Amino acid sequence: MTLSQRFNIYLQLTRFDKPIGSYLLLWPTLSALWIASEGLPDLTLLLVFTLGVFLTRSAGCVINDIADRKIDGKVKRTANRPLAQKLISTKEAVALFMVLMGAAFLLVLLTTNAMTVYLSFAALLLAFSYPFMKRFTQLPQLVLGAAFGFGIPMAFSATTEQLPLIAWLLYFAKICWTVAYDTMYAMVDRDDDLKIGVKSTAILFGKYDNLINAILQCTTLCLFVAVGISAGLGIIYYLGLVVMAGFFGYQQYLTKDRVREQCFKAFLNNHYAGLAVFIAIVLDYAY
């Protein structure tokens, strides 16, 4: 195998070529950093959390493929993944996971405080455990939400060495939002998952999937409103929430017929919803 071929395999395994998952982590984490610092984030922390998001998300993709290496070949969307095709050994994939998580941990250890370092262990545990949850619970998306949102309390602890109520409002908003959009993602694989026995909220919610997603999205917006009130944010922030609500409505339209491609498109659309809120937070503090 040439160096170029190995690099392409690593690229596929870490999803660096598909950054949507990193964006879904990045915008809420940066939003938390902005709010925690009242609009003036430390540049070092800004760099650390941005790099940390991409490293941990990539590590999460690797451990997910390790956990699913025996079932990915049976699912249409994942059949061509490197481990499913045995293009790379499991030991090499484990080593890559450890390198990525080690680099993320070093960033936290060398640039933040003790509280944030302790929180990073919980983040690691959640990131490691999520891929295996789909075998034991119908709510793996809830675990994913807890993992995806953990950058929020870490951003507050790194900035203020405190975990105020507003940090948890943001965190639970992120959990509700993640369960909704990852249910859309799971709707793409629902038929295959039923055949191979993989569990998901898309299967659990059944015919009520869109209704429950709508409830989760409304809860997300309500929690974001509570965040705005707690932080004393102004009209620009709330306009950002209106934009997010518009994207949520569009996603409901896309998933109404439960067509695979449309469900996946709805999942991807959440990148813009998160970006809209982040931009609104930055502009609100700026003006």
C-alpha atoms as a PDB file:
ATOM      1  CA  MET A   1       0.000   0.000   0.000  1.00  0.00           C
ATOM      2  CA  THR A   2       1.422   3.391  -0.992  1.00  0.00           C
ATOM      3  CA  LEU A   3       1.646   6.352   1.379  1.00  0.00           C
ATOM      4  CA  SER A   4      -1.018   8.144  -0.655  1.00  0.00           C
ATOM      5  CA  GLN A   5      -3.423   5.202  -0.383  1.00  0.00           C
ATOM      6  CA  ARG A   6      -2.882   4.968   3.384  1.00  0.00           C
ATOM      7  CA  PHE A   7      -3.469   8.703   3.734  1.00  0.00           C
ATOM      8  CA  ASN A   8      -6.773   8.375   1.854  1.00  0.00           C
ATOM      9  CA  ILE A   9      -7.823   5.528   4.161  1.00  0.00           C
ATOM     10  CA  TYR A  10      -7.052   7.673   7.235  1.00  0.00           C
ATOM     11  CA  LEU A  11      -8.990  10.517   5.639  1.00  0.00           C
ATOM     12  CA  GLN A  12     -12.043   8.294   5.210  1.00  0.00           C
ATOM     13  CA  LEU A  13     -11.708   6.805   8.684  1.00  0.00           C
ATOM     14  CA  THR A  14     -11.495  10.191  10.444  1.00  0.00           C
ATOM     15  CA  ARG A  15     -14.057  11.866   8.114  1.00  0.00           C
ATOM     16  CA  PHE A  16     -11.771  14.854   7.669  1.00  0.00           C
ATOM     17  CA  ASP A  17     -13.150  14.895   4.139  1.00  0.00           C
ATOM     18  CA  LYS A  18     -16.701  15.160   5.544  1.00  0.00           C
ATOM     19  CA  PRO A  19     -16.572  17.935   8.178  1.00  0.00           C
ATOM     20  CA  ILE A  20     -20.327  18.241   8.806  1.00  0.00           C
ATOM     21  CA  GLY A  21     -20.048  16.386  12.121  1.00  0.00           C
ATOM     22  CA  SER A  22     -17.266  18.728  13.250  1.00  0.00           C
ATOM     23  CA  TYR A  23     -19.398  21.766  12.412  1.00  0.00           C
ATOM     24  CA  LEU A  24     -22.267  20.372  14.484  1.00  0.00           C
ATOM     25  CA  LEU A  25     -19.882  20.255  17.461  1.00  0.00           C
ATOM     26  CA  LEU A  26     -18.070  23.483  16.649  1.00  0.00           C
ATOM     27  CA  TRP A  27     -20.891  26.046  16.529  1.00  0.00           C
ATOM     28  CA  PRO A  28     -22.411  25.227  19.959  1.00  0.00           C
ATOM     29  CA  THR A  29     -18.942  25.007  21.533  1.00  0.00           C
ATOM     30  CA  LEU A  30     -17.892  28.389  20.138  1.00  0.00           C
ATOM     31  CA  SER A  31     -21.265  29.836  21.147  1.00  0.00           C
ATOM     32  CA  ALA A  32     -20.566  28.705  24.720  1.00  0.00           C
ATOM     33  CA  LEU A  33     -17.076  30.199  24.568  1.00  0.00           C
ATOM     34  CA  TRP A  34     -18.492  33.553  23.409  1.00  0.00           C
ATOM     35  CA  ILE A  35     -21.172  33.644  26.091  1.00  0.00           C
ATOM     36  CA  ALA A  36     -18.794  32.519  28.847  1.00  0.00           C
ATOM     37  CA  SER A  37     -16.378  35.323  27.927  1.00  0.00           C
ATOM     38  CA  GLU A  38     -19.165  37.868  27.329  1.00  0.00           C
ATOM     39  CA  GLY A  39     -18.107  38.337  23.725  1.00  0.00           C
ATOM     40  CA  LEU A  40     -14.337  38.480  24.229  1.00  0.00           C
ATOM     41  CA  PRO A  41     -12.990  34.913  24.051  1.00  0.00           C
ATOM     42  CA  ASP A  42      -9.329  34.266  24.768  1.00  0.00           C
ATOM     43  CA  LEU A  43      -7.575  33.641  21.443  1.00  0.00           C
ATOM     44  CA  THR A  44      -5.645  30.662  22.822  1.00  0.00           C
ATOM     45  CA  LEU A  45      -8.853  29.032  24.057  1.00  0.00           C
ATOM     46  CA  LEU A  46     -10.520  29.798  20.734  1.00  0.00           C
ATOM     47  CA  LEU A  47      -7.753  27.934  18.905  1.00  0.00           C
ATOM     48  CA  VAL A  48      -7.655  25.079  21.445  1.00  0.00           C
ATOM     49  CA  PHE A  49     -11.390  24.421  21.340  1.00  0.00           C
ATOM     50  CA  THR A  50     -11.531  24.656  17.549  1.00  0.00           C
ATOM     51  CA  LEU A  51      -8.697  22.156  17.137  1.00  0.00           C
ATOM     52  CA  GLY A  52     -10.114  20.039  19.951  1.00  0.00           C
ATOM     53  CA  VAL A  53     -13.477  19.765  18.229  1.00  0.00           C
ATOM     54  CA  PHE A  54     -11.935  18.478  15.007  1.00  0.00           C
ATOM     55  CA  LEU A  55      -9.634  16.044  16.828  1.00  0.00           C
ATOM     56  CA  THR A  56     -12.301  14.576  19.105  1.00  0.00           C
ATOM     57  CA  ARG A  57     -14.887  14.314  16.349  1.00  0.00           C
ATOM     58  CA  SER A  58     -12.368  12.483  14.155  1.00  0.00           C
ATOM     59  CA  ALA A  59     -11.462  10.197  17.052  1.00  0.00           C
ATOM     60  CA  GLY A  60     -15.171   9.543  17.579  1.00  0.00           C
ATOM     61  CA  CYS A  61     -15.542   8.523  13.952  1.00  0.00           C
ATOM     62  CA  VAL A  62     -12.632   6.099  14.268  1.00  0.00           C
ATOM     63  CA  ILE A  63     -13.971   4.407  17.418  1.00  0.00           C
ATOM     64  CA  ASN A  64     -17.429   4.279  15.815  1.00  0.00           C
ATOM     65  CA  ASP A  65     -16.032   2.419  12.807  1.00  0.00           C
ATOM     66  CA  ILE A  66     -14.100   0.076  15.092  1.00  0.00           C
ATOM     67  CA  ALA A  67     -17.286  -0.759  17.000  1.00  0.00           C
ATOM     68  CA  ASP A  68     -19.301  -1.184  13.783  1.00  0.00           C
ATOM     69  CA  ARG A  69     -16.677  -2.923  11.655  1.00  0.00           C
ATOM     70  CA  LYS A  70     -18.686  -6.168  11.514  1.00  0.00           C
ATOM     71  CA  ILE A  71     -22.028  -4.574  10.687  1.00  0.00           C
ATOM     72  CA  ASP A  72     -21.117  -1.624   8.441  1.00  0.00           C
ATOM     73  CA  GLY A  73     -20.845  -3.936   5.449  1.00  0.00           C
ATOM     74  CA  LYS A  74     -24.530  -4.826   5.857  1.00  0.00           C
ATOM     75  CA  VAL A  75     -25.703  -1.200   5.697  1.00  0.00           C
ATOM     76  CA  LYS A  76     -25.962   0.516   2.322  1.00  0.00           C
ATOM     77  CA  ARG A  77     -24.622   3.886   3.519  1.00  0.00           C
ATOM     78  CA  THR A  78     -21.579   2.440   5.336  1.00  0.00           C
ATOM     79  CA  ALA A  79     -20.633  -0.579   3.229  1.00  0.00           C
ATOM     80  CA  ASN A  80     -17.552   1.128   1.742  1.00  0.00           C
ATOM     81  CA  ARG A  81     -15.947   2.227   5.015  1.00  0.00           C
ATOM     82  CA  PRO A  82     -12.273   1.149   5.338  1.00  0.00           C
ATOM     83  CA  LEU A  83     -12.704  -1.218   8.291  1.00  0.00           C
ATOM     84  CA  ALA A  84     -15.779  -2.817   6.741  1.00  0.00           C
ATOM     85  CA  GLN A  85     -13.705  -3.535   3.634  1.00  0.00           C
ATOM     86  CA  LYS A  86     -10.688  -4.565   5.749  1.00  0.00           C
ATOM     87  CA  LEU A  87      -8.466  -1.962   4.116  1.00  0.00           C
ATOM     88  CA  ILE A  88      -6.880  -1.251   7.499  1.00  0.00           C
ATOM     89  CA  SER A  89      -6.364  -3.430  10.577  1.00  0.00           C
ATOM     90  CA  THR A  90      -8.328  -2.947  13.781  1.00  0.00           C
ATOM     91  CA  LYS A  91      -5.069  -2.489  15.727  1.00  0.00           C
ATOM     92  CA  GLU A  92      -4.005   0.343  13.431  1.00  0.00           C
ATOM     93  CA  ALA A  93      -7.408   1.990  13.794  1.00  0.00           C
ATOM     94  CA  VAL A  94      -7.173   1.733  17.604  1.00  0.00           C
ATOM     95  CA  ALA A  95      -3.715   3.327  17.461  1.00  0.00           C
ATOM     96  CA  LEU A  96      -5.107   6.183  15.346  1.00  0.00           C
ATOM     97  CA  PHE A  97      -7.931   6.709  17.857  1.00  0.00           C
ATOM     98  CA  MET A  98      -5.437   6.892  20.724  1.00  0.00           C
ATOM     99  CA  VAL A  99      -3.234   9.390  18.873  1.00  0.00           C
ATOM    100  CA  LEU A 100      -6.172  11.683  18.112  1.00  0.00           C
ATOM    101  CA  MET A 101      -7.587  11.560  21.646  1.00  0.00           C
ATOM    102  CA  GLY A 102      -4.104  11.942  23.115  1.00  0.00           C
ATOM    103  CA  ALA A 103      -3.520  15.083  21.054  1.00  0.00           C
ATOM    104  CA  ALA A 104      -6.889  16.517  22.145  1.00  0.00           C
ATOM    105  CA  PHE A 105      -6.124  15.737  25.805  1.00  0.00           C
ATOM    106  CA  LEU A 106      -2.690  17.372  25.579  1.00  0.00           C
ATOM    107  CA  LEU A 107      -4.285  20.530  24.211  1.00  0.00           C
ATOM    108  CA  VAL A 108      -6.576  20.704  27.243  1.00  0.00           C
ATOM    109  CA  LEU A 109      -3.846  19.723  29.716  1.00  0.00           C
ATOM    110  CA  LEU A 110      -1.326  22.290  28.490  1.00  0.00           C
ATOM    111  CA  THR A 111      -3.622  25.271  27.973  1.00  0.00           C
ATOM    112  CA  THR A 112      -6.539  25.108  30.424  1.00  0.00           C
ATOM    113  CA  ASN A 113      -7.177  24.566  34.137  1.00  0.00           C
ATOM    114  CA  ALA A 114      -7.658  21.547  36.413  1.00  0.00           C
ATOM    115  CA  MET A 115     -11.468  21.687  36.266  1.00  0.00           C
ATOM    116  CA  THR A 116     -11.434  21.482  32.471  1.00  0.00           C
ATOM    117  CA  VAL A 117      -8.932  18.619  32.546  1.00  0.00           C
ATOM    118  CA  TYR A 118     -11.229  16.664  34.879  1.00  0.00           C
ATOM    119  CA  LEU A 119     -14.187  17.350  32.611  1.00  0.00           C
ATOM    120  CA  SER A 120     -12.195  16.081  29.631  1.00  0.00           C
ATOM    121  CA  PHE A 121     -12.156  12.591  31.179  1.00  0.00           C
ATOM    122  CA  ALA A 122     -15.962  12.561  31.183  1.00  0.00           C
ATOM    123  CA  ALA A 123     -15.920  13.764  27.574  1.00  0.00           C
ATOM    124  CA  LEU A 124     -13.547  10.928  26.646  1.00  0.00           C
ATOM    125  CA  LEU A 125     -15.761   8.342  28.347  1.00  0.00           C
ATOM    126  CA  LEU A 126     -18.845   9.573  26.486  1.00  0.00           C
ATOM    127  CA  ALA A 127     -17.036   9.674  23.134  1.00  0.00           C
ATOM    128  CA  PHE A 128     -15.745   6.136  23.657  1.00  0.00           C
ATOM    129  CA  SER A 129     -19.026   4.643  24.870  1.00  0.00           C
ATOM    130  CA  TYR A 130     -21.461   6.102  22.306  1.00  0.00           C
ATOM    131  CA  PRO A 131     -20.711   3.686  19.417  1.00  0.00           C
ATOM    132  CA  PHE A 132     -21.462   0.691  21.638  1.00  0.00           C
ATOM    133  CA  MET A 133     -24.761   2.076  22.994  1.00  0.00           C
ATOM    134  CA  LYS A 134     -26.715   1.141  19.856  1.00  0.00           C
ATOM    135  CA  ARG A 135     -26.392  -2.485  20.954  1.00  0.00           C
ATOM    136  CA  PHE A 136     -27.842  -1.957  24.434  1.00  0.00           C
ATOM    137  CA  THR A 137     -30.329   0.907  24.300  1.00  0.00           C
ATOM    138  CA  GLN A 138     -32.884   2.408  21.946  1.00  0.00           C
ATOM    139  CA  LEU A 139     -31.520   5.837  22.908  1.00  0.00           C
ATOM    140  CA  PRO A 140     -27.939   5.917  21.586  1.00  0.00           C
ATOM    141  CA  GLN A 141     -28.694   9.383  20.200  1.00  0.00           C
ATOM    142  CA  LEU A 142     -29.101  10.620  23.787  1.00  0.00           C
ATOM    143  CA  VAL A 143     -25.582   9.451  24.600  1.00  0.00           C
ATOM    144  CA  LEU A 144     -24.343  11.105  21.402  1.00  0.00           C
ATOM    145  CA  GLY A 145     -26.014  14.356  22.473  1.00  0.00           C
ATOM    146  CA  ALA A 146     -24.276  14.190  25.853  1.00  0.00           C
ATOM    147  CA  ALA A 147     -20.945  13.589  24.097  1.00  0.00           C
ATOM    148  CA  PHE A 148     -21.447  16.203  21.364  1.00  0.00           C
ATOM    149  CA  GLY A 149     -22.422  18.866  23.886  1.00  0.00           C
ATOM    150  CA  PHE A 150     -19.616  18.356  26.398  1.00  0.00           C
ATOM    151  CA  GLY A 151     -17.529  21.098  24.847  1.00  0.00           C
ATOM    152  CA  ILE A 152     -20.075  23.533  26.318  1.00  0.00           C
ATOM    153  CA  PRO A 153     -19.362  22.993  30.045  1.00  0.00           C
ATOM    154  CA  MET A 154     -15.667  22.673  29.183  1.00  0.00           C
ATOM    155  CA  ALA A 155     -15.757  26.080  27.469  1.00  0.00           C
ATOM    156  CA  PHE A 156     -17.280  27.647  30.583  1.00  0.00           C
ATOM    157  CA  SER A 157     -14.848  25.928  32.955  1.00  0.00           C
ATOM    158  CA  ALA A 158     -11.852  26.931  30.815  1.00  0.00           C
ATOM    159  CA  THR A 159     -13.030  30.555  30.700  1.00  0.00           C
ATOM    160  CA  THR A 160     -14.488  31.151  34.166  1.00  0.00           C
ATOM    161  CA  GLU A 161     -13.583  28.031  36.220  1.00  0.00           C
ATOM    162  CA  GLN A 162     -17.296  27.788  36.985  1.00  0.00           C
ATOM    163  CA  LEU A 163     -20.301  25.867  35.673  1.00  0.00           C
ATOM    164  CA  PRO A 164     -23.214  28.322  35.982  1.00  0.00           C
ATOM    165  CA  LEU A 165     -26.838  27.541  35.185  1.00  0.00           C
ATOM    166  CA  ILE A 166     -26.521  29.066  31.715  1.00  0.00           C
ATOM    167  CA  ALA A 167     -23.867  26.457  30.821  1.00  0.00           C
ATOM    168  CA  TRP A 168     -26.324  23.668  31.601  1.00  0.00           C
ATOM    169  CA  LEU A 169     -29.142  25.392  29.717  1.00  0.00           C
ATOM    170  CA  LEU A 170     -26.896  25.434  26.651  1.00  0.00           C
ATOM    171  CA  TYR A 171     -25.819  21.854  27.272  1.00  0.00           C
ATOM    172  CA  PHE A 172     -29.358  20.496  27.504  1.00  0.00           C
ATOM    173  CA  ALA A 173     -30.381  22.537  24.448  1.00  0.00           C
ATOM    174  CA  LYS A 174     -27.561  20.847  22.566  1.00  0.00           C
ATOM    175  CA  ILE A 175     -28.659  17.398  23.790  1.00  0.00           C
ATOM    176  CA  CYS A 176     -32.265  17.914  22.633  1.00  0.00           C
ATOM    177  CA  TRP A 177     -31.098  19.295  19.320  1.00  0.00           C
ATOM    178  CA  THR A 178     -28.645  16.417  18.761  1.00  0.00           C
ATOM    179  CA  VAL A 179     -31.269  13.754  19.485  1.00  0.00           C
ATOM    180  CA  ALA A 180     -33.511  15.411  16.883  1.00  0.00           C
ATOM    181  CA  TYR A 181     -30.961  15.714  14.098  1.00  0.00           C
ATOM    182  CA  ASP A 182     -29.333  12.355  14.743  1.00  0.00           C
ATOM    183  CA  THR A 183     -32.782  10.754  14.631  1.00  0.00           C
ATOM    184  CA  MET A 184     -33.067  12.215  11.118  1.00  0.00           C
ATOM    185  CA  TYR A 185     -29.684  10.655  10.377  1.00  0.00           C
ATOM    186  CA  ALA A 186     -30.865   7.308  11.796  1.00  0.00           C
ATOM    187  CA  MET A 187     -34.006   7.487   9.646  1.00  0.00           C
ATOM    188  CA  VAL A 188     -31.695   7.050   6.645  1.00  0.00           C
ATOM    189  CA  ASP A 189     -30.542   3.650   7.949  1.00  0.00           C
ATOM    190  CA  ARG A 190     -33.746   2.529   9.667  1.00  0.00           C
ATOM    191  CA  ASP A 191     -34.582  -0.316   7.254  1.00  0.00           C
ATOM    192  CA  ASP A 192     -31.039  -1.716   7.389  1.00  0.00           C
ATOM    193  CA  ASP A 193     -30.825  -1.310  11.181  1.00  0.00           C
ATOM    194  CA  LEU A 194     -34.040  -3.265  11.673  1.00  0.00           C
ATOM    195  CA  LYS A 195     -32.606  -6.155   9.674  1.00  0.00           C
ATOM    196  CA  ILE A 196     -29.325  -6.359  11.588  1.00  0.00           C
ATOM    197  CA  GLY A 197     -30.684  -5.554  15.057  1.00  0.00           C
ATOM    198  CA  VAL A 198     -29.077  -2.144  15.617  1.00  0.00           C
ATOM    199  CA  LYS A 199     -31.070   0.137  17.934  1.00  0.00           C
ATOM    200  CA  SER A 200     -31.860   3.843  17.400  1.00  0.00           C
ATOM    201  CA  THR A 201     -34.367   6.554  18.263  1.00  0.00           C
ATOM    202  CA  ALA A 202     -35.623   6.383  14.664  1.00  0.00           C
ATOM    203  CA  ILE A 203     -36.750   2.821  15.384  1.00  0.00           C
ATOM    204  CA  LEU A 204     -37.975   3.646  18.897  1.00  0.00           C
ATOM    205  CA  PHE A 205     -40.050   6.648  17.777  1.00  0.00           C
ATOM    206  CA  GLY A 206     -41.486   4.769  14.783  1.00  0.00           C
ATOM    207  CA  LYS A 207     -44.344   6.608  13.094  1.00  0.00           C
ATOM    208  CA  TYR A 208     -44.077   9.395  15.666  1.00  0.00           C
ATOM    209  CA  ASP A 209     -40.514  10.248  14.633  1.00  0.00           C
ATOM    210  CA  ASN A 210     -41.302  13.621  13.048  1.00  0.00           C
ATOM    211  CA  LEU A 211     -43.641  14.629  15.868  1.00  0.00           C
ATOM    212  CA  ILE A 212     -41.071  13.822  18.555  1.00  0.00           C
ATOM    213  CA  ASN A 213     -38.369  15.566  16.544  1.00  0.00           C
ATOM    214  CA  ALA A 214     -40.592  18.648  16.380  1.00  0.00           C
ATOM    215  CA  ILE A 215     -41.067  18.546  20.168  1.00  0.00           C
ATOM    216  CA  LEU A 216     -37.294  18.234  20.647  1.00  0.00           C
ATOM    217  CA  GLN A 217     -36.678  21.144  18.283  1.00  0.00           C
ATOM    218  CA  CYS A 218     -39.222  23.319  20.102  1.00  0.00           C
ATOM    219  CA  THR A 219     -37.587  22.403  23.416  1.00  0.00           C
ATOM    220  CA  THR A 220     -34.216  23.354  21.948  1.00  0.00           C
ATOM    221  CA  LEU A 221     -35.539  26.773  20.940  1.00  0.00           C
ATOM    222  CA  CYS A 222     -37.115  27.322  24.380  1.00  0.00           C
ATOM    223  CA  LEU A 223     -33.836  26.505  26.084  1.00  0.00           C
ATOM    224  CA  PHE A 224     -32.000  28.875  23.746  1.00  0.00           C
ATOM    225  CA  VAL A 225     -34.486  31.592  24.701  1.00  0.00           C
ATOM    226  CA  ALA A 226     -33.695  30.892  28.364  1.00  0.00           C
ATOM    227  CA  VAL A 227     -30.003  31.210  27.512  1.00  0.00           C
ATOM    228  CA  GLY A 228     -30.635  34.574  25.877  1.00  0.00           C
ATOM    229  CA  ILE A 229     -32.521  35.845  28.922  1.00  0.00           C
ATOM    230  CA  SER A 230     -29.833  34.592  31.316  1.00  0.00           C
ATOM    231  CA  ALA A 231     -27.031  36.177  29.279  1.00  0.00           C
ATOM    232  CA  GLY A 232     -28.922  39.416  28.658  1.00  0.00           C
ATOM    233  CA  LEU A 233     -28.649  39.032  24.906  1.00  0.00           C
ATOM    234  CA  GLY A 234     -30.515  41.343  22.561  1.00  0.00           C
ATOM    235  CA  ILE A 235     -32.598  41.395  19.412  1.00  0.00           C
ATOM    236  CA  ILE A 236     -29.870  40.119  17.082  1.00  0.00           C
ATOM    237  CA  TYR A 237     -29.606  36.903  19.083  1.00  0.00           C
ATOM    238  CA  TYR A 238     -33.358  36.320  18.953  1.00  0.00           C
ATOM    239  CA  LEU A 239     -33.374  36.948  15.206  1.00  0.00           C
ATOM    240  CA  GLY A 240     -30.799  34.151  15.016  1.00  0.00           C
ATOM    241  CA  LEU A 241     -33.230  31.892  16.844  1.00  0.00           C
ATOM    242  CA  VAL A 242     -35.929  32.819  14.334  1.00  0.00           C
ATOM    243  CA  VAL A 243     -33.571  31.716  11.553  1.00  0.00           C
ATOM    244  CA  MET A 244     -32.907  28.460  13.422  1.00  0.00           C
ATOM    245  CA  ALA A 245     -36.667  27.911  13.771  1.00  0.00           C
ATOM    246  CA  GLY A 246     -37.000  28.432  10.015  1.00  0.00           C
ATOM    247  CA  PHE A 247     -34.380  25.756   9.362  1.00  0.00           C
ATOM    248  CA  PHE A 248     -36.163  23.415  11.771  1.00  0.00           C
ATOM    249  CA  GLY A 249     -39.397  23.927   9.849  1.00  0.00           C
ATOM    250  CA  TYR A 250     -37.612  23.181   6.586  1.00  0.00           C
ATOM    251  CA  GLN A 251     -36.202  19.984   8.082  1.00  0.00           C
ATOM    252  CA  GLN A 252     -39.685  18.867   9.066  1.00  0.00           C
ATOM    253  CA  TYR A 253     -40.778  19.437   5.475  1.00  0.00           C
ATOM    254  CA  LEU A 254     -37.849  17.383   4.156  1.00  0.00           C
ATOM    255  CA  THR A 255     -38.518  14.404   6.438  1.00  0.00           C
ATOM    256  CA  LYS A 256     -42.305  14.302   6.106  1.00  0.00           C
ATOM    257  CA  ASP A 257     -42.230  11.430   3.598  1.00  0.00           C
ATOM    258  CA  ARG A 258     -39.255   9.696   5.274  1.00  0.00           C
ATOM    259  CA  VAL A 259     -37.295   9.377   2.036  1.00  0.00           C
ATOM    260  CA  ARG A 260     -33.658   8.413   2.737  1.00  0.00           C
ATOM    261  CA  GLU A 261     -32.055  11.175   0.699  1.00  0.00           C
ATOM    262  CA  GLN A 262     -34.371  13.851   2.115  1.00  0.00           C
ATOM    263  CA  CYS A 263     -33.780  12.713   5.700  1.00  0.00           C
ATOM    264  CA  PHE A 264     -30.039  12.944   5.148  1.00  0.00           C
ATOM    265  CA  LYS A 265     -30.466  16.402   3.620  1.00  0.00           C
ATOM    266  CA  ALA A 266     -32.432  17.458   6.709  1.00  0.00           C
ATOM    267  CA  PHE A 267     -29.627  16.198   8.942  1.00  0.00           C
ATOM    268  CA  LEU A 268     -27.034  18.195   6.990  1.00  0.00           C
ATOM    269  CA  ASN A 269     -29.181  21.327   7.212  1.00  0.00           C
ATOM    270  CA  ASN A 270     -28.537  21.520  10.963  1.00  0.00           C
ATOM    271  CA  HIS A 271     -25.082  22.888  10.212  1.00  0.00           C
ATOM    272  CA  TYR A 272     -26.725  26.096   9.002  1.00  0.00           C
ATOM    273  CA  ALA A 273     -29.052  26.222  12.014  1.00  0.00           C
ATOM    274  CA  GLY A 274     -26.090  26.103  14.404  1.00  0.00           C
ATOM    275  CA  LEU A 275     -24.075  28.576  12.353  1.00  0.00           C
ATOM    276  CA  ALA A 276     -26.972  31.050  12.355  1.00  0.00           C
ATOM    277  CA  VAL A 277     -27.162  31.051  16.160  1.00  0.00           C
ATOM    278  CA  PHE A 278     -23.392  31.372  16.535  1.00  0.00           C
ATOM    279  CA  ILE A 279     -23.230  34.327  14.136  1.00  0.00           C
ATOM    280  CA  ALA A 280     -26.141  35.942  15.983  1.00  0.00           C
ATOM    281  CA  ILE A 281     -24.302  35.587  19.312  1.00  0.00           C
ATOM    282  CA  VAL A 282     -21.093  37.097  17.893  1.00  0.00           C
ATOM    283  CA  LEU A 283     -22.975  40.022  16.321  1.00  0.00           C
ATOM    284  CA  ASP A 284     -25.098  40.613  19.407  1.00  0.00           C
ATOM    285  CA  TYR A 285     -22.040  40.989  21.625  1.00  0.00           C
ATOM    286  CA  ALA A 286     -20.267  43.063  18.971  1.00  0.00           C
ATOM    287  CA  TYR A 287     -23.085  45.573  18.536  1.00  0.00           C
END
